[in-house]
Amino acid sequence: MTLGELLREAAAGLAPASDSPRLDAELICCHVLGADRSLCFSRPEQPLTADDEAAIRALLRRRLAGEPIAYLLGKRGFWTLELAVSADVLIPRPETELLVERCLTHVPEHAQQALCDLGTGSGAIALALASERPDCTVTAVERSASALALARRNAEHCGLQVELVLGDWLQPLPGRRFHLIASNPPYVAEHDPHLRKGDVRFEPEPALVAGPDGLDALRILIAEAPAHLHPGGWLLLEHGYDQADAVTALMHDAGFTSVICHRDLAGQPRVSEGQYPGDAP
């Protein structure tokens, strides 16, 4: 069988499971062949070995079952970086780039500030910040040892310096303060029907679910952040599209000022931020 023949068959077969069946088929084929996607257009007549065809079909079956393409390929692009991903971490998503963009507005170029990413997962946010603000010290905290190992692998691959700390939110950082704290924490309610749909069925539940209303982790972060921020420091949080009012209210109650929510490219309220004006109590 040639590459072109298998691509046509695969794209047709994936149509029920994917919004982009042809792209998925191309990515899987090129991943197995160790080739660039241009091969699909330049050499569709290339014959496939029996081993390559078997490996491609095995991945296609997993994709047809709904497994995310990022897990099948073991990588995902985020910001300007290519990151390794696995079922131990959430797949970095484009909407989280808004969180990075908002962080950068509060950190001037060449600033020597201390930044912190809580619940770093693959390291996406921390590494994006480190890549854009190399004069800053970036600390990333993660409670999953396997996720932290993946973040370390990504830091090494990207050639970026990030302090990686094992622990739960701010608990492993007693007495330390930062100019900015960012987090994309779990924020899905435990009985949300979306947990049974799409990619999230395969992603780690502890990185997704945060109590009956999805706000458990956000409450902890907002309550604990003031004791770990320098005066004038910023807290930035990604949250669900329907949680903006609750999150901004919690931030106001915790003493944050200049609280505002920003919308993602889909127009959904996605990132809330606030500034802590003075010393923590």
Protein backbone atom coordinates (compact mmCIF):
# COMPACT_ATOMS: atom_id res chain seq x y z
CA MET A 1 0.00 0.00 0.00
CA THR A 2 1.23 3.52 -0.77
CA LEU A 3 1.23 6.47 1.60
CA GLY A 4 -1.47 8.21 -0.43
CA GLU A 5 -3.73 5.19 -0.44
CA LEU A 6 -3.47 4.76 3.31
CA LEU A 7 -4.05 8.48 3.90
CA ARG A 8 -7.29 8.39 1.91
CA GLU A 9 -8.49 5.29 3.74
CA ALA A 10 -7.48 6.69 7.13
CA ALA A 11 -9.12 10.08 6.59
CA ALA A 12 -12.40 8.41 5.66
CA GLY A 13 -12.19 6.07 8.63
CA LEU A 14 -11.43 8.80 11.15
CA ALA A 15 -14.26 11.07 10.06
CA PRO A 16 -16.68 9.89 12.79
CA ALA A 17 -14.13 10.53 15.56
CA SER A 18 -12.30 13.67 14.46
CA ASP A 19 -13.06 17.20 13.35
CA SER A 20 -9.91 17.09 11.22
CA PRO A 21 -9.58 13.50 9.97
CA ARG A 22 -7.21 14.23 7.07
CA LEU A 23 -4.87 16.27 9.27
CA ASP A 24 -4.90 13.58 11.96
CA ALA A 25 -4.10 10.92 9.39
CA GLU A 26 -1.22 12.97 7.99
CA LEU A 27 0.21 13.66 11.44
CA ILE A 28 0.05 9.99 12.45
CA CYS A 29 1.61 8.76 9.21
CA CYS A 30 4.45 11.30 9.35
CA HIS A 31 5.04 10.56 13.04
CA VAL A 32 5.57 6.87 12.30
CA LEU A 33 7.67 7.59 9.21
CA GLY A 34 9.74 10.26 10.98
CA ALA A 35 8.98 12.69 8.17
CA ASP A 36 7.64 16.19 7.66
CA ARG A 37 4.02 16.63 6.55
CA SER A 38 5.25 17.80 3.16
CA LEU A 39 5.87 14.12 2.37
CA CYS A 40 2.11 13.59 2.17
CA PHE A 41 1.92 16.01 -0.75
CA SER A 42 5.26 15.46 -2.42
CA ARG A 43 5.44 11.65 -2.40
CA PRO A 44 1.99 10.08 -1.98
CA GLU A 45 3.16 7.22 -4.21
CA GLN A 46 5.77 6.13 -1.64
CA PRO A 47 5.22 2.48 -0.68
CA LEU A 48 4.89 1.62 2.99
CA THR A 49 6.67 -1.25 4.66
CA ALA A 50 4.54 -3.80 6.47
CA ASP A 51 5.92 -2.61 9.82
CA ASP A 52 5.16 1.04 9.09
CA GLU A 53 1.65 0.24 7.93
CA ALA A 54 1.01 -1.84 11.07
CA ALA A 55 2.30 0.93 13.34
CA ILE A 56 0.18 3.55 11.56
CA ARG A 57 -2.94 1.41 11.76
CA ALA A 58 -2.40 0.81 15.48
CA LEU A 59 -2.34 4.59 16.12
CA LEU A 60 -5.33 5.12 13.84
CA ARG A 61 -7.35 2.64 15.89
CA ARG A 62 -6.49 4.55 19.07
CA ARG A 63 -7.49 7.85 17.44
CA LEU A 64 -10.75 6.31 16.24
CA ALA A 65 -11.45 5.36 19.86
CA GLY A 66 -11.11 9.05 20.74
CA GLU A 67 -7.60 9.22 22.16
CA PRO A 68 -6.21 12.75 21.66
CA ILE A 69 -3.79 13.19 18.78
CA ALA A 70 -1.32 14.92 21.11
CA TYR A 71 -1.03 11.78 23.25
CA LEU A 72 -0.58 9.61 20.17
CA LEU A 73 2.23 11.80 18.89
CA GLY A 74 3.66 12.49 22.36
CA LYS A 75 3.97 16.21 21.69
CA ARG A 76 2.05 19.46 21.33
CA GLY A 77 3.02 22.95 20.26
CA PHE A 78 2.42 25.73 22.79
CA TRP A 79 3.46 29.36 22.47
CA THR A 80 6.72 29.10 20.47
CA LEU A 81 7.69 25.77 22.03
CA GLU A 82 7.23 22.11 21.17
CA LEU A 83 6.49 20.21 24.35
CA ALA A 84 6.41 16.53 25.16
CA VAL A 85 3.03 15.44 26.54
CA SER A 86 1.69 12.23 28.00
CA ALA A 87 -1.42 10.99 29.74
CA ASP A 88 0.15 12.26 32.99
CA VAL A 89 -0.57 15.88 32.03
CA LEU A 90 -3.25 18.03 30.47
CA ILE A 91 -2.74 18.80 26.80
CA PRO A 92 -1.67 22.46 26.48
CA ARG A 93 -4.45 24.40 24.76
CA PRO A 94 -4.42 27.60 22.69
CA GLU A 95 -6.69 29.42 25.15
CA THR A 96 -4.03 29.07 27.84
CA GLU A 97 -1.74 31.23 25.70
CA LEU A 98 -3.97 34.12 26.79
CA LEU A 99 -2.75 33.51 30.35
CA VAL A 100 0.85 33.79 29.14
CA GLU A 101 0.05 36.97 27.19
CA ARG A 102 -1.51 38.59 30.23
CA CYS A 103 1.42 37.62 32.44
CA LEU A 104 3.86 39.24 30.04
CA THR A 105 2.00 42.55 30.20
CA HIS A 106 2.90 42.74 33.90
CA VAL A 107 6.56 41.77 33.51
CA PRO A 108 8.66 44.31 31.60
CA GLU A 109 11.37 43.08 29.27
CA HIS A 110 14.72 42.66 31.04
CA ALA A 111 12.96 42.76 34.44
CA GLN A 112 14.57 40.64 37.12
CA GLN A 113 11.48 39.37 38.84
CA ALA A 114 10.40 36.18 40.55
CA LEU A 115 7.55 34.42 38.73
CA CYS A 116 5.64 31.32 39.79
CA ASP A 117 3.47 28.83 37.89
CA LEU A 118 1.32 26.61 40.09
CA GLY A 119 0.18 23.20 38.84
CA THR A 120 2.62 23.36 35.96
CA GLY A 121 1.82 19.99 34.35
CA SER A 122 3.94 19.77 31.20
CA GLY A 123 5.61 23.05 32.17
CA ALA A 124 3.88 24.95 29.36
CA ILE A 125 3.18 28.23 31.18
CA ALA A 126 6.46 28.33 33.12
CA LEU A 127 8.54 27.55 30.05
CA ALA A 128 6.71 30.08 27.90
CA LEU A 129 7.39 32.75 30.54
CA ALA A 130 11.04 31.70 30.85
CA SER A 131 11.45 31.89 27.08
CA GLU A 132 10.09 35.43 26.93
CA ARG A 133 11.59 36.83 30.14
CA PRO A 134 15.01 35.16 30.49
CA ASP A 135 16.16 37.62 33.16
CA CYS A 136 13.40 36.49 35.52
CA THR A 137 13.51 33.56 37.92
CA VAL A 138 10.68 31.17 37.16
CA THR A 139 9.47 28.60 39.69
CA ALA A 140 7.04 25.84 38.71
CA VAL A 141 5.17 23.73 41.27
CA GLU A 142 3.46 20.41 40.52
CA ARG A 143 2.00 17.80 42.87
CA SER A 144 2.37 14.89 40.42
CA ALA A 145 5.89 13.45 40.35
CA SER A 146 5.37 11.98 36.87
CA ALA A 147 4.12 15.32 35.53
CA LEU A 148 7.06 17.12 37.12
CA ALA A 149 9.45 14.68 35.45
CA LEU A 150 7.86 15.52 32.10
CA ALA A 151 8.18 19.26 32.80
CA ARG A 152 11.87 18.72 33.58
CA ARG A 153 12.30 16.87 30.30
CA ASN A 154 10.64 19.76 28.46
CA ALA A 155 12.83 22.33 30.19
CA GLU A 156 15.94 20.44 29.16
CA HIS A 157 14.69 20.00 25.59
CA CYS A 158 13.90 23.72 25.30
CA GLY A 159 17.15 24.76 26.99
CA LEU A 160 15.30 26.86 29.57
CA GLN A 161 16.03 27.38 33.26
CA VAL A 162 13.04 26.78 35.51
CA GLU A 163 13.03 25.80 39.18
CA LEU A 164 10.82 22.71 39.43
CA VAL A 165 9.28 21.96 42.83
CA LEU A 166 7.21 18.95 43.88
CA GLY A 167 4.26 19.85 46.06
CA ASP A 168 0.69 21.07 46.39
CA TRP A 169 0.17 24.66 45.28
CA LEU A 170 2.13 27.07 47.52
CA GLN A 171 2.74 24.69 50.42
CA PRO A 172 6.32 23.76 49.38
CA LEU A 173 7.30 27.46 49.18
CA PRO A 174 7.04 28.72 52.80
CA GLY A 175 8.15 32.30 53.26
CA ARG A 176 8.80 32.89 49.57
CA ARG A 177 7.25 35.75 47.63
CA PHE A 178 6.87 36.45 43.95
CA HIS A 179 6.15 39.39 41.72
CA LEU A 180 3.64 37.30 39.78
CA ILE A 181 1.80 34.03 40.37
CA ALA A 182 -0.01 32.29 37.52
CA SER A 183 -2.01 29.10 37.36
CA ASN A 184 -4.23 27.05 35.10
CA PRO A 185 -5.70 24.93 37.91
CA PRO A 186 -8.41 22.27 37.80
CA TYR A 187 -11.74 24.08 37.39
CA VAL A 188 -14.28 21.53 36.11
CA ALA A 189 -17.17 20.56 38.39
CA GLU A 190 -17.05 16.91 39.35
CA HIS A 191 -20.33 16.01 37.64
CA ASP A 192 -19.85 18.15 34.53
CA PRO A 193 -21.07 16.19 31.47
CA HIS A 194 -18.11 17.50 29.43
CA LEU A 195 -15.90 15.08 31.36
CA ARG A 196 -17.41 12.28 29.27
CA LYS A 197 -16.75 13.96 25.95
CA GLY A 198 -13.79 14.55 23.65
CA ASP A 199 -10.16 14.68 24.71
CA VAL A 200 -10.84 15.18 28.42
CA ARG A 201 -11.98 11.55 28.73
CA PHE A 202 -8.31 10.59 28.40
CA GLU A 203 -6.75 13.39 30.46
CA PRO A 204 -5.84 13.04 34.17
CA GLU A 205 -8.91 13.74 36.27
CA PRO A 206 -7.01 15.39 39.17
CA ALA A 207 -5.82 18.05 36.72
CA LEU A 208 -9.38 18.73 35.59
CA VAL A 209 -11.82 18.33 38.47
CA ALA A 210 -12.08 20.66 41.47
CA GLY A 211 -15.05 19.81 43.65
CA PRO A 212 -18.81 20.15 43.24
CA ASP A 213 -18.67 23.59 41.59
CA GLY A 214 -15.19 23.45 40.06
CA LEU A 215 -13.93 26.25 42.31
CA ASP A 216 -12.09 24.31 45.04
CA ALA A 217 -8.59 24.88 43.66
CA LEU A 218 -9.31 28.48 42.68
CA ARG A 219 -10.48 29.25 46.23
CA ILE A 220 -7.25 27.84 47.68
CA LEU A 221 -5.03 29.77 45.26
CA ILE A 222 -6.80 33.08 45.81
CA ALA A 223 -6.72 32.65 49.59
CA GLU A 224 -3.05 31.64 49.75
CA ALA A 225 -1.55 33.93 47.12
CA PRO A 226 -1.42 37.20 49.14
CA ALA A 227 1.10 35.72 51.59
CA HIS A 228 3.36 34.85 48.66
CA LEU A 229 3.17 38.06 46.63
CA HIS A 230 5.40 41.10 46.88
CA PRO A 231 3.47 44.33 47.41
CA GLY A 232 2.01 45.22 44.03
CA GLY A 233 2.35 41.64 42.80
CA TRP A 234 -0.13 40.03 40.41
CA LEU A 235 -2.21 36.87 40.51
CA LEU A 236 -3.47 35.52 37.16
CA LEU A 237 -5.82 32.55 36.90
CA GLU A 238 -7.39 30.62 34.06
CA HIS A 239 -10.93 29.42 34.79
CA GLY A 240 -14.10 28.15 33.19
CA TYR A 241 -16.23 30.32 30.92
CA ASP A 242 -19.00 30.48 33.55
CA GLN A 243 -16.77 31.15 36.57
CA ALA A 244 -15.63 34.72 35.95
CA ASP A 245 -18.06 36.35 38.38
CA ALA A 246 -17.22 33.90 41.16
CA VAL A 247 -13.46 34.21 40.64
CA THR A 248 -13.41 38.01 40.50
CA ALA A 249 -15.61 38.16 43.63
CA LEU A 250 -13.19 35.86 45.47
CA MET A 251 -10.28 38.05 44.40
CA HIS A 252 -11.99 41.21 45.61
CA ASP A 253 -12.79 39.53 48.94
CA ALA A 254 -9.11 38.53 49.33
CA GLY A 255 -7.99 42.14 48.95
CA PHE A 256 -6.96 42.22 45.31
CA THR A 257 -7.42 45.40 43.32
CA SER A 258 -7.52 46.15 39.58
CA VAL A 259 -9.43 42.89 39.18
CA ILE A 260 -10.49 42.21 35.60
CA CYS A 261 -11.43 39.23 33.44
CA HIS A 262 -10.15 38.79 29.89
CA ARG A 263 -11.83 36.88 27.06
CA ASP A 264 -10.15 34.25 24.91
CA LEU A 265 -10.21 34.11 21.11
CA ALA A 266 -13.60 32.43 21.22
CA GLY A 267 -14.98 35.35 23.19
CA GLN A 268 -15.30 33.37 26.43
CA PRO A 269 -14.29 34.82 29.83
CA ARG A 270 -11.10 32.85 30.47
CA VAL A 271 -8.41 34.63 32.53
CA SER A 272 -8.92 36.79 35.62
CA GLU A 273 -6.18 38.85 37.19
CA GLY A 274 -5.73 41.08 40.21
CA GLN A 275 -3.00 43.05 41.97
CA TYR A 276 -2.23 42.67 45.66
CA PRO A 277 -1.60 46.18 46.94
CA GLY A 278 0.33 45.72 50.14
CA ASP A 279 2.03 43.39 52.58
CA ALA A 280 0.29 40.17 53.39
CA PRO A 281 -1.20 39.97 56.87
